[in-house]
Structure formats: structure tokens, C-alpha cells
Amino acid sequence: MSPRKRTSVYFDPELLAGLKALKARDGMPEAEAIRRGVAEFLAKRGIATVGKTERKRGTTRKRP
């Protein structure tokens, strides 16, 4: 499981309605749409974030 942290944010009713409409149309969960939106916002402003491809891999088990 990925190392995610829970956080609380407040949205205007219009934004929530838009997220629900997106879910109904595309089937994308609201949380995923928010994550993608924040990631795009940060990328446009030049803020680098660590993606899934840059995670450290676990070590393999060495057999005797």
C-alpha cells in the first residue's frame, strides 16, 4: 500500500457537484480527481513531486 496521509479540505457546493458529475460521467472517484488536480497544479507551478516510478524498491530476499 502506498504511504498516503489523510487530510481534510473544505469545498464549495459547486465544486462538490462538479466532482460528483465527473464520477457519474467517467467513473473516476472524487479523491482520485482531487489528487490528479493537485498534482497538475503543482507541476504547472514548477513544484516537483515524487512519482510512483521514483520510489525505492524493496530488497530481495537472499537465500543461504
N, C-alpha and C. Protein backbone atom coordinates (compact mmCIF):
# COMPACT_ATOMS: atom_id res chain seq x y z
N MET A 1 0.84 -1.17 0.00
CA MET A 1 0.00 0.00 0.00
C MET A 1 0.89 1.24 0.00
N SER A 2 0.46 2.26 -0.70
CA SER A 2 1.26 3.47 -0.81
C SER A 2 1.21 4.28 0.48
N PRO A 3 2.26 5.04 0.77
CA PRO A 3 2.32 5.81 2.00
C PRO A 3 1.56 7.12 1.88
N ARG A 4 0.25 7.06 1.92
CA ARG A 4 -0.58 8.25 1.82
C ARG A 4 -0.96 8.75 3.20
N LYS A 5 -1.17 10.05 3.30
CA LYS A 5 -1.60 10.67 4.55
C LYS A 5 -2.99 11.24 4.35
N ARG A 6 -3.82 11.09 5.34
CA ARG A 6 -5.17 11.62 5.28
C ARG A 6 -5.15 13.10 5.64
N THR A 7 -5.96 13.88 4.93
CA THR A 7 -6.07 15.30 5.21
C THR A 7 -7.51 15.74 4.98
N SER A 8 -7.87 16.85 5.57
CA SER A 8 -9.23 17.37 5.41
C SER A 8 -9.18 18.69 4.65
N VAL A 9 -10.07 18.84 3.71
CA VAL A 9 -10.21 20.08 2.96
C VAL A 9 -11.69 20.41 2.86
N TYR A 10 -11.99 21.67 2.66
CA TYR A 10 -13.37 22.11 2.51
C TYR A 10 -13.58 22.58 1.08
N PHE A 11 -14.71 22.18 0.49
CA PHE A 11 -15.05 22.56 -0.87
C PHE A 11 -16.38 23.27 -0.91
N ASP A 12 -16.51 24.19 -1.84
CA ASP A 12 -17.79 24.82 -2.08
C ASP A 12 -18.75 23.79 -2.67
N PRO A 13 -20.05 23.96 -2.46
CA PRO A 13 -21.01 23.00 -3.00
C PRO A 13 -20.92 22.85 -4.52
N GLU A 14 -20.56 23.91 -5.22
CA GLU A 14 -20.44 23.84 -6.68
C GLU A 14 -19.30 22.90 -7.10
N LEU A 15 -18.18 22.96 -6.38
CA LEU A 15 -17.06 22.06 -6.70
C LEU A 15 -17.42 20.61 -6.40
N LEU A 16 -18.11 20.38 -5.29
CA LEU A 16 -18.52 19.01 -4.97
C LEU A 16 -19.49 18.47 -6.02
N ALA A 17 -20.39 19.32 -6.48
CA ALA A 17 -21.33 18.89 -7.52
C ALA A 17 -20.56 18.54 -8.80
N GLY A 18 -19.52 19.31 -9.11
CA GLY A 18 -18.71 19.01 -10.28
C GLY A 18 -17.97 17.69 -10.14
N LEU A 19 -17.45 17.41 -8.96
CA LEU A 19 -16.77 16.14 -8.73
C LEU A 19 -17.73 14.96 -8.84
N LYS A 20 -18.94 15.13 -8.32
CA LYS A 20 -19.94 14.06 -8.43
C LYS A 20 -20.37 13.85 -9.88
N ALA A 21 -20.46 14.93 -10.65
CA ALA A 21 -20.80 14.81 -12.07
C ALA A 21 -19.69 14.09 -12.83
N LEU A 22 -18.43 14.40 -12.49
CA LEU A 22 -17.30 13.72 -13.11
C LEU A 22 -17.33 12.23 -12.81
N LYS A 23 -17.65 11.89 -11.57
CA LYS A 23 -17.74 10.48 -11.19
C LYS A 23 -18.85 9.77 -11.96
N ALA A 24 -20.00 10.44 -12.09
CA ALA A 24 -21.12 9.84 -12.82
C ALA A 24 -20.79 9.66 -14.30
N ARG A 25 -20.08 10.63 -14.88
CA ARG A 25 -19.77 10.57 -16.30
C ARG A 25 -18.63 9.62 -16.62
N ASP A 26 -17.53 9.72 -15.84
CA ASP A 26 -16.31 8.96 -16.17
C ASP A 26 -16.05 7.79 -15.25
N GLY A 27 -16.71 7.77 -14.09
CA GLY A 27 -16.47 6.69 -13.14
C GLY A 27 -15.24 6.90 -12.28
N MET A 28 -14.66 8.10 -12.33
CA MET A 28 -13.46 8.39 -11.55
C MET A 28 -13.85 8.81 -10.14
N PRO A 29 -13.30 8.17 -9.11
CA PRO A 29 -13.61 8.58 -7.74
C PRO A 29 -13.20 10.03 -7.48
N GLU A 30 -13.95 10.69 -6.61
CA GLU A 30 -13.68 12.09 -6.31
C GLU A 30 -12.26 12.29 -5.79
N ALA A 31 -11.81 11.40 -4.92
CA ALA A 31 -10.47 11.53 -4.34
C ALA A 31 -9.39 11.45 -5.41
N GLU A 32 -9.56 10.58 -6.38
CA GLU A 32 -8.56 10.46 -7.45
C GLU A 32 -8.54 11.71 -8.31
N ALA A 33 -9.70 12.28 -8.59
CA ALA A 33 -9.77 13.52 -9.36
C ALA A 33 -9.07 14.65 -8.62
N ILE A 34 -9.24 14.71 -7.30
CA ILE A 34 -8.59 15.74 -6.49
C ILE A 34 -7.08 15.55 -6.51
N ARG A 35 -6.61 14.29 -6.34
CA ARG A 35 -5.17 14.03 -6.37
C ARG A 35 -4.56 14.45 -7.70
N ARG A 36 -5.22 14.09 -8.80
CA ARG A 36 -4.70 14.45 -10.12
C ARG A 36 -4.70 15.95 -10.32
N GLY A 37 -5.75 16.61 -9.85
CA GLY A 37 -5.83 18.06 -9.99
C GLY A 37 -4.73 18.77 -9.21
N VAL A 38 -4.47 18.32 -7.99
CA VAL A 38 -3.41 18.93 -7.19
C VAL A 38 -2.05 18.67 -7.82
N ALA A 39 -1.83 17.46 -8.32
CA ALA A 39 -0.55 17.13 -8.96
C ALA A 39 -0.33 18.02 -10.19
N GLU A 40 -1.36 18.22 -10.99
CA GLU A 40 -1.24 19.07 -12.17
C GLU A 40 -0.99 20.53 -11.77
N PHE A 41 -1.67 21.00 -10.75
CA PHE A 41 -1.49 22.36 -10.24
C PHE A 41 -0.04 22.59 -9.82
N LEU A 42 0.51 21.65 -9.07
CA LEU A 42 1.90 21.76 -8.61
C LEU A 42 2.88 21.70 -9.78
N ALA A 43 2.63 20.80 -10.72
CA ALA A 43 3.53 20.67 -11.87
C ALA A 43 3.56 21.94 -12.70
N LYS A 44 2.41 22.58 -12.89
CA LYS A 44 2.36 23.81 -13.67
C LYS A 44 3.14 24.94 -13.00
N ARG A 45 3.28 24.87 -11.70
CA ARG A 45 4.00 25.90 -10.96
C ARG A 45 5.44 25.51 -10.65
N GLY A 46 5.90 24.42 -11.25
CA GLY A 46 7.29 24.03 -11.13
C GLY A 46 7.66 23.34 -9.83
N ILE A 47 6.68 22.81 -9.13
CA ILE A 47 6.95 22.10 -7.88
C ILE A 47 7.08 20.61 -8.22
N ALA A 48 8.24 20.06 -7.95
CA ALA A 48 8.49 18.65 -8.25
C ALA A 48 7.91 17.78 -7.14
N THR A 49 7.22 16.74 -7.53
CA THR A 49 6.71 15.76 -6.57
C THR A 49 7.27 14.40 -6.93
N VAL A 50 7.38 13.54 -5.97
CA VAL A 50 7.91 12.20 -6.20
C VAL A 50 6.79 11.34 -6.75
N GLY A 51 7.04 10.74 -7.90
CA GLY A 51 6.05 9.88 -8.52
C GLY A 51 6.26 8.43 -8.11
N LYS A 52 5.38 7.58 -8.58
CA LYS A 52 5.47 6.16 -8.24
C LYS A 52 6.74 5.52 -8.79
N THR A 53 7.24 6.02 -9.91
CA THR A 53 8.41 5.39 -10.52
C THR A 53 9.69 5.70 -9.74
N GLU A 54 9.68 6.71 -8.88
CA GLU A 54 10.88 7.08 -8.16
C GLU A 54 10.95 6.49 -6.75
N ARG A 55 9.99 5.64 -6.40
CA ARG A 55 10.02 5.05 -5.07
C ARG A 55 11.15 4.05 -4.96
N LYS A 56 11.69 3.93 -3.77
CA LYS A 56 12.74 2.95 -3.52
C LYS A 56 12.12 1.56 -3.49
N ARG A 57 12.73 0.65 -4.21
CA ARG A 57 12.24 -0.73 -4.24
C ARG A 57 12.77 -1.49 -3.03
N GLY A 58 11.98 -2.45 -2.61
CA GLY A 58 12.40 -3.30 -1.50
C GLY A 58 13.52 -4.22 -1.91
N THR A 59 14.31 -4.63 -0.96
CA THR A 59 15.41 -5.54 -1.26
C THR A 59 14.87 -6.95 -1.45
N THR A 60 15.54 -7.70 -2.27
CA THR A 60 15.13 -9.09 -2.48
C THR A 60 15.69 -9.97 -1.38
N ARG A 61 15.00 -11.02 -1.13
CA ARG A 61 15.42 -11.95 -0.08
C ARG A 61 16.62 -12.77 -0.57
N LYS A 62 17.65 -12.80 0.23
CA LYS A 62 18.83 -13.57 -0.14
C LYS A 62 18.72 -14.96 0.48
N ARG A 63 18.93 -15.94 -0.34
CA ARG A 63 18.85 -17.32 0.14
C ARG A 63 20.23 -17.81 0.51
N PRO A 64 20.32 -18.60 1.57
CA PRO A 64 21.63 -19.11 2.00
C PRO A 64 22.23 -20.12 1.06
